[in-house]
Amino acid sequence: MIVWILFITAVLLFLALDLGVFNKTPHIINSKEAGKWTAFWVTLSFVFSGVIYWLYSTSYIANPNQLKPTTAMIKYITGYLIELSLSIDNIFIIAVIFSAFKIAQKYQHRILFWGIMGAIVFRGLMIFFGVILINKFSWTAYVFGLFLIFTALKMAFTKEAEDFDPKDSWVYKLLGKIIPITHHTEKAHFFIRKETKLYATPLFVALVVIEVMDVLFAVDSVPAILAITSDPFLVFSSNIFAILGLRSMYFFLANMLEKFSCLEYSLIAILLFVGLKMVLHDYIELPEWVSLTFIAVALLVGILVSISRKEPSTTE
C-alpha cells in the first residue's frame, strides 16, 4: 500500500510541475522541446525498471512465492513497450480531433494534460477489474486473447481511423444534448458564459472526445498487457508511464506519422502475438525474454522499414 501511495503521489507531483511550472504559460511546443521531453519520459520509464527490480527483490526475500525480481523487471518493460507501441494509433486520432475542432497549437498541451488525468483514473479502474477477472475466472484469458486477435485482424483489413470524423461521433452528438457548444474559443477556457447561459468551448469538446477515445483504445491495450502479467502494480505502472510520455510523443511525432506508416504492421504483429499467447497459455509457456524480444524486434523492424522506404519517384 505504501508503494502504491508513493507511486501515485510521484505521478501527481510530476503532473503538477508539468502544468504549474514547465508549461504554466500556453505556448507552441516545437519538435525540439517535444523530443527532449520524449527522451526524458522514455529514460525515466526504463530507469523505473530498476526500481521494480529493487521492490520485487525485497518482497521476494520476504516471500519466495512472489515474482522473482528479474522476471518482474522484464514483465514491466514488456508491458511498457506494448503500451507505448499501441499509443501510435492514439496519436493519429488525437491529431484528427485537434484538426476537426481547430484547436490552436498553444492550447493542445493543456487539453492533453487533463486528458491524461482522466486516463489515469479510467485505466486504473479497467486494470483493477481486469486483474480481478483474470485471477477469479481463468476462462477470461481466452476471451481477452480472442478479442486481441480479432482487433489485430480488424486493423489489418480495415482502415476506419482514416475516415474518423469527431463531429459525426456519438460522443459529440450526446455532449451537444447535455450542454450547448460554441465554436468560439476564449483563451484556454473549457467553458464560457454568454449572457446567463454556459457554453462548452471546442477545447472541452476535444477533451471529452479524446477521453472517450482513450477508453476505447484501453479496451485493446489493457487486455494486451494482461497477457504479459496480472500483477496489478506492474500493469498499472507500465500503463501510467506510457500515458505520461504520450503528450510529448504526440508533439514529437504528430507531423511525422506518415513516415512511420509501417508501424501499423508492427502493432498488428504484437496484438496477434499477445492474443495467441493468452489463448495458448495452457499449452505453451514462453519464457519472459521471448515476449520482450518479439515486441522489441517488431517495433524496431517497423521503424527501420518505415525509415528506409523511399518516396516513389514521379516522372513527367
Protein backbone atom coordinates (compact mmCIF):
# COMPACT_ATOMS: atom_id res chain seq x y z
CA MET A 1 0.00 0.00 0.00
CA ILE A 2 2.89 2.35 0.82
CA VAL A 3 4.43 1.68 -2.60
CA TRP A 4 1.12 2.45 -4.33
CA ILE A 5 0.70 5.71 -2.41
CA LEU A 6 4.28 6.82 -3.13
CA PHE A 7 3.97 5.97 -6.83
CA ILE A 8 0.66 7.81 -7.33
CA THR A 9 1.96 10.78 -5.30
CA ALA A 10 5.07 10.94 -7.51
CA VAL A 11 2.93 10.85 -10.67
CA LEU A 12 0.69 13.66 -9.40
CA LEU A 13 3.78 15.67 -8.43
CA PHE A 14 5.22 15.28 -11.95
CA LEU A 15 1.92 16.41 -13.46
CA ALA A 16 1.67 19.40 -11.10
CA LEU A 17 5.20 20.51 -12.05
CA ASP A 18 4.38 19.98 -15.72
CA LEU A 19 1.33 22.24 -15.80
CA GLY A 20 2.23 24.60 -12.95
CA VAL A 21 5.90 25.22 -13.74
CA PHE A 22 7.21 23.94 -17.08
CA ASN A 23 4.06 24.71 -19.09
CA LYS A 24 2.43 27.40 -16.97
CA THR A 25 2.15 29.74 -19.96
CA PRO A 26 0.39 28.25 -23.04
CA HIS A 27 2.88 28.04 -25.91
CA ILE A 28 3.55 26.10 -29.07
CA ILE A 29 5.69 23.05 -28.29
CA ASN A 30 8.16 22.59 -31.14
CA SER A 31 9.75 19.31 -32.20
CA LYS A 32 13.00 20.05 -30.33
CA GLU A 33 11.25 20.64 -26.99
CA ALA A 34 8.96 17.66 -27.54
CA GLY A 35 11.97 15.49 -28.41
CA LYS A 36 13.67 16.39 -25.12
CA TRP A 37 10.56 15.61 -23.09
CA THR A 38 10.02 12.34 -25.00
CA ALA A 39 13.61 11.30 -24.25
CA PHE A 40 13.08 12.27 -20.59
CA TRP A 41 9.93 10.16 -20.16
CA VAL A 42 11.31 7.15 -22.03
CA THR A 43 14.54 7.29 -19.99
CA LEU A 44 12.61 7.67 -16.73
CA SER A 45 10.38 4.73 -17.68
CA PHE A 46 13.36 2.44 -18.21
CA VAL A 47 15.10 3.73 -15.07
CA PHE A 48 11.95 2.79 -13.16
CA SER A 49 12.57 -0.83 -14.17
CA GLY A 50 15.49 -0.66 -11.71
CA VAL A 51 13.04 0.43 -9.01
CA ILE A 52 10.84 -2.52 -9.96
CA TYR A 53 13.82 -4.85 -9.56
CA TRP A 54 14.60 -3.41 -6.11
CA LEU A 55 10.97 -3.55 -4.93
CA TYR A 56 10.47 -7.14 -6.01
CA SER A 57 13.87 -8.17 -4.62
CA THR A 58 12.68 -7.01 -1.20
CA SER A 59 9.32 -8.79 -1.48
CA TYR A 60 10.94 -11.96 -2.92
CA ILE A 61 13.27 -12.22 0.07
CA ALA A 62 10.28 -11.94 2.41
CA ASN A 63 8.14 -14.33 0.31
CA PRO A 64 9.88 -16.62 -2.26
CA ASN A 65 6.48 -17.44 -3.79
CA GLN A 66 6.28 -13.92 -5.23
CA LEU A 67 7.62 -12.87 -8.63
CA LYS A 68 11.38 -13.00 -9.00
CA PRO A 69 12.89 -9.51 -9.38
CA THR A 70 14.33 -10.23 -12.84
CA THR A 71 11.01 -11.66 -14.04
CA ALA A 72 9.11 -8.65 -12.68
CA MET A 73 11.50 -6.22 -14.38
CA ILE A 74 11.17 -7.97 -17.76
CA LYS A 75 7.38 -8.08 -17.46
CA TYR A 76 7.31 -4.35 -16.68
CA ILE A 77 9.50 -3.44 -19.67
CA THR A 78 7.48 -5.72 -21.97
CA GLY A 79 4.22 -4.18 -20.78
CA TYR A 80 5.61 -0.67 -21.20
CA LEU A 81 6.70 -1.38 -24.79
CA ILE A 82 3.25 -2.79 -25.60
CA GLU A 83 1.50 0.29 -24.23
CA LEU A 84 3.96 2.61 -25.95
CA SER A 85 3.51 0.90 -29.32
CA LEU A 86 -0.29 0.90 -29.07
CA SER A 87 -0.15 4.67 -28.40
CA ILE A 88 0.78 5.29 -32.04
CA ASP A 89 -2.82 4.90 -33.24
CA ASN A 90 -3.96 7.08 -30.35
CA ILE A 91 -1.63 9.86 -31.53
CA PHE A 92 -3.19 9.73 -35.00
CA ILE A 93 -6.71 10.06 -33.57
CA ILE A 94 -5.66 12.97 -31.32
CA ALA A 95 -4.26 14.78 -34.37
CA VAL A 96 -7.56 14.27 -36.22
CA ILE A 97 -9.55 15.58 -33.22
CA PHE A 98 -7.43 18.72 -32.84
CA SER A 99 -7.73 19.40 -36.56
CA ALA A 100 -11.50 18.87 -36.61
CA PHE A 101 -12.13 21.31 -33.74
CA LYS A 102 -9.43 23.76 -34.91
CA ILE A 103 -7.59 23.74 -31.59
CA ALA A 104 -4.69 26.21 -31.55
CA GLN A 105 -1.32 24.51 -31.01
CA LYS A 106 -0.55 26.51 -27.88
CA TYR A 107 -3.67 25.10 -26.14
CA GLN A 108 -3.18 21.47 -27.16
CA HIS A 109 -0.86 20.65 -24.26
CA ARG A 110 -3.48 21.81 -21.73
CA ILE A 111 -6.09 19.50 -23.25
CA LEU A 112 -3.70 16.54 -23.25
CA PHE A 113 -2.75 17.25 -19.63
CA TRP A 114 -6.33 16.97 -18.39
CA GLY A 115 -6.90 14.08 -20.76
CA ILE A 116 -4.09 12.21 -19.05
CA MET A 117 -5.57 12.94 -15.61
CA GLY A 118 -8.78 11.28 -16.74
CA ALA A 119 -6.91 8.44 -18.45
CA ILE A 120 -5.10 7.60 -15.19
CA VAL A 121 -8.44 7.20 -13.40
CA PHE A 122 -10.16 5.19 -16.16
CA ARG A 123 -7.13 2.99 -16.85
CA GLY A 124 -6.78 2.32 -13.13
CA LEU A 125 -10.40 1.16 -12.92
CA MET A 126 -10.09 -1.02 -16.04
CA ILE A 127 -6.87 -2.60 -14.77
CA PHE A 128 -8.42 -3.22 -11.33
CA PHE A 129 -11.43 -5.06 -12.76
CA GLY A 130 -9.36 -6.77 -15.46
CA VAL A 131 -6.96 -8.24 -12.89
CA ILE A 132 -9.90 -9.42 -10.77
CA LEU A 133 -11.48 -11.16 -13.77
CA ILE A 134 -8.22 -12.82 -14.84
CA ASN A 135 -7.46 -14.08 -11.33
CA LYS A 136 -11.02 -15.17 -10.46
CA PHE A 137 -12.19 -16.56 -13.81
CA SER A 138 -9.39 -18.24 -15.73
CA TRP A 139 -11.55 -18.52 -18.88
CA THR A 140 -11.47 -14.72 -19.30
CA ALA A 141 -7.90 -15.11 -20.56
CA TYR A 142 -9.32 -16.86 -23.65
CA VAL A 143 -11.89 -14.08 -24.11
CA PHE A 144 -9.21 -11.36 -23.92
CA GLY A 145 -6.93 -13.35 -26.23
CA LEU A 146 -9.60 -13.86 -28.88
CA PHE A 147 -10.54 -10.18 -28.64
CA LEU A 148 -6.94 -9.13 -29.29
CA ILE A 149 -6.69 -11.47 -32.29
CA PHE A 150 -9.96 -10.03 -33.63
CA THR A 151 -8.62 -6.48 -33.12
CA ALA A 152 -5.39 -7.32 -34.97
CA LEU A 153 -7.28 -8.82 -37.92
CA LYS A 154 -9.63 -5.82 -37.98
CA MET A 155 -6.63 -3.45 -38.10
CA ALA A 156 -5.15 -5.50 -40.93
CA PHE A 157 -8.23 -5.41 -43.15
CA THR A 158 -9.95 -2.12 -42.33
CA LYS A 159 -8.87 1.50 -42.25
CA GLU A 160 -11.60 3.03 -40.11
CA ALA A 161 -9.23 5.51 -38.44
CA GLU A 162 -8.71 7.31 -41.75
CA ASP A 163 -12.46 8.02 -42.02
CA PHE A 164 -12.93 9.07 -38.39
CA ASP A 165 -14.76 12.39 -38.07
CA PRO A 166 -15.08 13.61 -34.44
CA LYS A 167 -18.06 15.84 -35.30
CA ASP A 168 -20.01 12.82 -36.57
CA SER A 169 -19.22 10.73 -33.49
CA TRP A 170 -21.89 9.78 -30.94
CA VAL A 171 -19.79 11.47 -28.23
CA TYR A 172 -20.05 14.88 -29.91
CA LYS A 173 -23.80 14.48 -30.55
CA LEU A 174 -24.50 13.33 -26.98
CA LEU A 175 -22.45 16.16 -25.49
CA GLY A 176 -24.40 18.67 -27.60
CA LYS A 177 -27.62 17.45 -25.99
CA ILE A 178 -26.20 17.88 -22.49
CA ILE A 179 -24.65 21.33 -22.85
CA PRO A 180 -24.68 23.98 -25.61
CA ILE A 181 -21.49 24.02 -27.69
CA THR A 182 -19.93 27.17 -29.07
CA HIS A 183 -17.37 27.40 -31.89
CA HIS A 184 -15.79 30.39 -30.15
CA THR A 185 -12.65 29.85 -28.07
CA GLU A 186 -11.70 32.27 -25.31
CA LYS A 187 -8.03 31.72 -24.37
CA ALA A 188 -7.62 28.33 -22.68
CA HIS A 189 -11.08 28.18 -21.09
CA PHE A 190 -13.13 24.99 -21.32
CA PHE A 191 -16.37 26.91 -20.70
CA ILE A 192 -17.57 30.42 -21.43
CA ARG A 193 -20.69 32.26 -20.34
CA LYS A 194 -22.81 34.20 -22.81
CA GLU A 195 -25.34 36.36 -21.02
CA THR A 196 -26.68 33.87 -18.47
CA LYS A 197 -26.02 30.66 -20.40
CA LEU A 198 -22.96 28.39 -20.03
CA TYR A 199 -21.37 27.03 -23.21
CA ALA A 200 -18.72 24.36 -23.75
CA THR A 201 -15.82 25.57 -25.91
CA PRO A 202 -14.09 23.47 -28.59
CA LEU A 203 -11.32 22.81 -26.03
CA PHE A 204 -13.71 21.00 -23.70
CA VAL A 205 -15.37 19.12 -26.56
CA ALA A 206 -11.96 17.96 -27.82
CA LEU A 207 -11.03 16.88 -24.27
CA VAL A 208 -14.18 14.77 -23.89
CA VAL A 209 -13.77 13.12 -27.31
CA ILE A 210 -10.09 12.36 -26.62
CA GLU A 211 -11.00 10.91 -23.20
CA VAL A 212 -13.64 8.60 -24.67
CA MET A 213 -11.31 7.51 -27.48
CA ASP A 214 -8.60 6.73 -24.91
CA VAL A 215 -11.04 4.48 -23.05
CA LEU A 216 -11.82 2.68 -26.31
CA PHE A 217 -8.10 2.22 -27.00
CA ALA A 218 -7.62 0.95 -23.45
CA VAL A 219 -10.08 -1.83 -24.26
CA ASP A 220 -7.32 -3.16 -26.55
CA SER A 221 -4.23 -2.20 -24.55
CA VAL A 222 -5.28 -3.38 -21.08
CA PRO A 223 -6.01 -6.99 -22.21
CA ALA A 224 -2.72 -6.89 -24.16
CA ILE A 225 -0.67 -6.17 -21.06
CA LEU A 226 -2.72 -8.65 -19.01
CA ALA A 227 -1.36 -11.28 -21.41
CA ILE A 228 2.10 -10.47 -20.03
CA THR A 229 1.27 -10.21 -16.32
CA SER A 230 -1.71 -9.96 -13.99
CA ASP A 231 0.36 -8.26 -11.28
CA PRO A 232 -1.66 -5.04 -10.70
CA PHE A 233 1.34 -2.82 -9.87
CA LEU A 234 3.29 -3.89 -12.97
CA VAL A 235 0.25 -3.40 -15.19
CA PHE A 236 -0.61 0.00 -13.69
CA SER A 237 2.92 1.43 -13.58
CA SER A 238 3.79 0.43 -17.15
CA ASN A 239 0.45 1.86 -18.34
CA ILE A 240 0.96 5.14 -16.50
CA PHE A 241 4.49 5.69 -17.79
CA ALA A 242 3.30 5.10 -21.35
CA ILE A 243 0.45 7.60 -20.81
CA LEU A 244 2.75 10.21 -19.24
CA GLY A 245 5.00 10.11 -22.28
CA LEU A 246 2.09 10.28 -24.71
CA ARG A 247 1.82 14.11 -24.71
CA SER A 248 5.42 14.81 -25.64
CA MET A 249 5.37 11.90 -28.11
CA TYR A 250 2.32 13.44 -29.77
CA PHE A 251 4.07 16.78 -30.34
CA PHE A 252 7.21 14.94 -31.47
CA LEU A 253 5.51 12.53 -33.89
CA ALA A 254 2.31 14.31 -34.96
CA ASN A 255 3.90 15.76 -38.08
CA MET A 256 5.88 12.62 -38.86
CA LEU A 257 3.23 9.89 -38.62
CA GLU A 258 3.24 9.29 -42.37
CA LYS A 259 6.97 8.49 -42.19
CA PHE A 260 6.22 5.60 -39.80
CA SER A 261 3.41 4.03 -41.81
CA CYS A 262 4.87 0.52 -41.45
CA LEU A 263 4.49 0.65 -37.65
CA GLU A 264 0.85 -0.33 -38.22
CA TYR A 265 2.06 -3.80 -39.22
CA SER A 266 4.23 -3.97 -36.11
CA LEU A 267 1.17 -3.26 -33.96
CA ILE A 268 -0.80 -5.97 -35.76
CA ALA A 269 2.02 -8.47 -35.16
CA ILE A 270 2.23 -7.53 -31.47
CA LEU A 271 -1.53 -7.86 -30.92
CA LEU A 272 -1.58 -11.23 -32.69
CA PHE A 273 1.37 -12.43 -30.60
CA VAL A 274 -0.09 -11.47 -27.22
CA GLY A 275 -3.55 -12.70 -28.28
CA LEU A 276 -2.19 -16.12 -29.22
CA LYS A 277 -0.12 -16.14 -26.03
CA MET A 278 -3.30 -15.75 -23.97
CA VAL A 279 -5.29 -18.32 -25.93
CA LEU A 280 -2.50 -20.93 -25.82
CA HIS A 281 -1.20 -20.21 -22.29
CA ASP A 282 -2.33 -23.65 -21.04
CA TYR A 283 -0.38 -25.43 -23.80
CA ILE A 284 2.66 -23.25 -24.50
CA GLU A 285 4.61 -21.39 -21.82
CA LEU A 286 7.08 -18.92 -23.28
CA PRO A 287 9.99 -17.53 -21.24
CA GLU A 288 9.64 -13.86 -20.34
CA TRP A 289 12.55 -12.80 -22.55
CA VAL A 290 10.82 -14.26 -25.63
CA SER A 291 7.86 -11.88 -25.31
CA LEU A 292 10.15 -8.90 -24.67
CA THR A 293 12.39 -9.80 -27.63
CA PHE A 294 9.48 -10.30 -30.04
CA ILE A 295 7.84 -6.98 -29.16
CA ALA A 296 11.13 -5.04 -29.27
CA VAL A 297 12.11 -6.60 -32.62
CA ALA A 298 8.63 -5.99 -34.10
CA LEU A 299 8.83 -2.29 -33.17
CA LEU A 300 12.42 -1.96 -34.42
CA VAL A 301 11.65 -3.63 -37.76
CA GLY A 302 8.58 -1.41 -38.25
CA ILE A 303 10.63 1.73 -37.57
CA LEU A 304 13.56 0.70 -39.78
CA VAL A 305 11.36 -0.37 -42.69
CA SER A 306 9.37 2.89 -42.44
CA ILE A 307 12.55 4.98 -42.49
CA SER A 308 14.12 3.01 -45.33
CA ARG A 309 11.07 3.30 -47.58
CA LYS A 310 11.64 5.83 -50.34
CA GLU A 311 9.03 8.06 -51.85
CA PRO A 312 8.03 6.80 -55.30
CA SER A 313 9.71 8.87 -57.95
CA THR A 314 7.46 10.73 -60.35
CA THR A 315 8.26 11.23 -64.00
CA GLU A 316 6.95 13.97 -66.20
